[in-house]
């Protein structure tokens, strides 16, 4: 079974194993004494995303600055030769 069920302060606590999923359903059945449900969700970015995105952003910024540094003198030269 994917979950471990245990009592917690008069309630049932479900701890679901860490798995990649896109949907999670919670079904609550109403009994004779009524029913209530509370749930929490936590979202976390993967460690590889946290390390890869800044590296690629830095590479992109460095290439952009390098291209601009190469292109500005050419643009100034074309502007001078056009006069």
C-alpha atoms as a PDB file:
ATOM      1  CA  UNK A   1       0.000   0.000   0.000  1.00  0.00           C
ATOM      2  CA  UNK A   2       1.250   3.501  -0.794  1.00  0.00           C
ATOM      3  CA  UNK A   3       0.272   5.073   2.508  1.00  0.00           C
ATOM      4  CA  UNK A   4       0.854   4.482   6.195  1.00  0.00           C
ATOM      5  CA  UNK A   5      -2.238   5.179   8.291  1.00  0.00           C
ATOM      6  CA  UNK A   6      -1.947   6.022  11.955  1.00  0.00           C
ATOM      7  CA  UNK A   7      -3.890   7.945  14.609  1.00  0.00           C
ATOM      8  CA  UNK A   8      -2.874  11.496  15.403  1.00  0.00           C
ATOM      9  CA  UNK A   9      -4.762  13.518  18.053  1.00  0.00           C
ATOM     10  CA  UNK A  10      -8.031  11.692  17.387  1.00  0.00           C
ATOM     11  CA  UNK A  11      -7.645  12.014  13.629  1.00  0.00           C
ATOM     12  CA  UNK A  12      -6.345   9.783  10.893  1.00  0.00           C
ATOM     13  CA  UNK A  13      -3.074  10.950   9.371  1.00  0.00           C
ATOM     14  CA  UNK A  14      -2.121   9.750   5.902  1.00  0.00           C
ATOM     15  CA  UNK A  15       1.516   9.934   4.933  1.00  0.00           C
ATOM     16  CA  UNK A  16       1.953   9.207   1.249  1.00  0.00           C
ATOM     17  CA  UNK A  17       5.294   7.990  -0.046  1.00  0.00           C
ATOM     18  CA  UNK A  18       7.349  10.483  -2.050  1.00  0.00           C
ATOM     19  CA  UNK A  19       6.455   9.855  -5.693  1.00  0.00           C
ATOM     20  CA  UNK A  20       6.157  11.985  -8.794  1.00  0.00           C
ATOM     21  CA  UNK A  21       2.482  12.591  -9.445  1.00  0.00           C
ATOM     22  CA  UNK A  22       0.375  15.160 -11.208  1.00  0.00           C
ATOM     23  CA  UNK A  23      -2.939  14.483  -9.467  1.00  0.00           C
ATOM     24  CA  UNK A  24      -3.915  13.422  -5.982  1.00  0.00           C
ATOM     25  CA  UNK A  25      -7.508  12.730  -4.963  1.00  0.00           C
ATOM     26  CA  UNK A  26      -8.919  12.980  -1.440  1.00  0.00           C
ATOM     27  CA  UNK A  27     -12.246  11.260  -0.841  1.00  0.00           C
ATOM     28  CA  UNK A  28     -14.090  11.885   2.438  1.00  0.00           C
ATOM     29  CA  UNK A  29     -17.127   9.773   3.297  1.00  0.00           C
ATOM     30  CA  UNK A  30     -19.718  11.309   5.586  1.00  0.00           C
ATOM     31  CA  UNK A  31     -20.708   9.111   8.512  1.00  0.00           C
ATOM     32  CA  UNK A  32     -23.495   9.359  11.096  1.00  0.00           C
ATOM     33  CA  UNK A  33     -21.491  11.842  13.178  1.00  0.00           C
ATOM     34  CA  UNK A  34     -20.509  13.998  10.199  1.00  0.00           C
ATOM     35  CA  UNK A  35     -17.183  14.379   8.443  1.00  0.00           C
ATOM     36  CA  UNK A  36     -14.458  16.948   8.104  1.00  0.00           C
ATOM     37  CA  UNK A  37     -11.152  16.897   6.322  1.00  0.00           C
ATOM     38  CA  UNK A  38      -8.072  19.081   6.316  1.00  0.00           C
ATOM     39  CA  UNK A  39      -5.138  18.621   4.003  1.00  0.00           C
ATOM     40  CA  UNK A  40      -1.775  20.212   3.298  1.00  0.00           C
ATOM     41  CA  UNK A  41       0.279  20.137   0.171  1.00  0.00           C
ATOM     42  CA  UNK A  42       3.915  21.036  -0.235  1.00  0.00           C
ATOM     43  CA  UNK A  43       5.616  21.866  -3.510  1.00  0.00           C
ATOM     44  CA  UNK A  44       9.370  21.854  -3.894  1.00  0.00           C
ATOM     45  CA  UNK A  45      11.657  22.506  -6.841  1.00  0.00           C
ATOM     46  CA  UNK A  46      14.033  19.727  -7.721  1.00  0.00           C
ATOM     47  CA  UNK A  47      17.703  20.300  -6.783  1.00  0.00           C
ATOM     48  CA  UNK A  48      18.787  19.818 -10.401  1.00  0.00           C
ATOM     49  CA  UNK A  49      16.423  22.619 -11.459  1.00  0.00           C
ATOM     50  CA  UNK A  50      17.896  24.907  -8.794  1.00  0.00           C
ATOM     51  CA  UNK A  51      21.422  24.296 -10.070  1.00  0.00           C
ATOM     52  CA  UNK A  52      20.846  24.059 -13.834  1.00  0.00           C
ATOM     53  CA  UNK A  53      18.713  27.171 -14.376  1.00  0.00           C
ATOM     54  CA  UNK A  54      21.182  29.654 -12.833  1.00  0.00           C
ATOM     55  CA  UNK A  55      24.042  28.114 -14.833  1.00  0.00           C
ATOM     56  CA  UNK A  56      22.149  28.408 -18.124  1.00  0.00           C
ATOM     57  CA  UNK A  57      20.972  31.919 -17.225  1.00  0.00           C
ATOM     58  CA  UNK A  58      24.573  32.978 -16.582  1.00  0.00           C
ATOM     59  CA  UNK A  59      25.714  31.430 -19.879  1.00  0.00           C
ATOM     60  CA  UNK A  60      22.880  33.185 -21.734  1.00  0.00           C
ATOM     61  CA  UNK A  61      23.726  36.538 -20.123  1.00  0.00           C
ATOM     62  CA  UNK A  62      27.440  36.141 -20.885  1.00  0.00           C
ATOM     63  CA  UNK A  63      26.767  35.293 -24.544  1.00  0.00           C
ATOM     64  CA  UNK A  64      24.353  38.234 -24.825  1.00  0.00           C
ATOM     65  CA  UNK A  65      26.878  40.691 -23.352  1.00  0.00           C
ATOM     66  CA  UNK A  66      29.622  39.271 -25.591  1.00  0.00           C
ATOM     67  CA  UNK A  67      27.455  39.607 -28.676  1.00  0.00           C
ATOM     68  CA  UNK A  68      26.540  43.190 -27.754  1.00  0.00           C
ATOM     69  CA  UNK A  69      30.213  44.024 -27.185  1.00  0.00           C
ATOM     70  CA  UNK A  70      31.029  42.641 -30.633  1.00  0.00           C
ATOM     71  CA  UNK A  71      28.051  44.277 -32.362  1.00  0.00           C
ATOM     72  CA  UNK A  72      28.256  47.855 -31.007  1.00  0.00           C
ATOM     73  CA  UNK A  73      31.617  48.681 -32.684  1.00  0.00           C
ATOM     74  CA  UNK A  74      30.303  47.278 -35.975  1.00  0.00           C
ATOM     75  CA  UNK A  75      27.183  49.428 -35.713  1.00  0.00           C
ATOM     76  CA  UNK A  76      29.276  52.533 -35.006  1.00  0.00           C
ATOM     77  CA  UNK A  77      31.521  51.692 -37.981  1.00  0.00           C
ATOM     78  CA  UNK A  78      28.532  51.246 -40.310  1.00  0.00           C
ATOM     79  CA  UNK A  79      27.064  54.544 -39.088  1.00  0.00           C
ATOM     80  CA  UNK A  80      30.344  56.364 -39.823  1.00  0.00           C
ATOM     81  CA  UNK A  81      30.682  54.826 -43.283  1.00  0.00           C
ATOM     82  CA  UNK A  82      27.077  55.732 -44.158  1.00  0.00           C
ATOM     83  CA  UNK A  83      27.703  59.471 -43.680  1.00  0.00           C
END
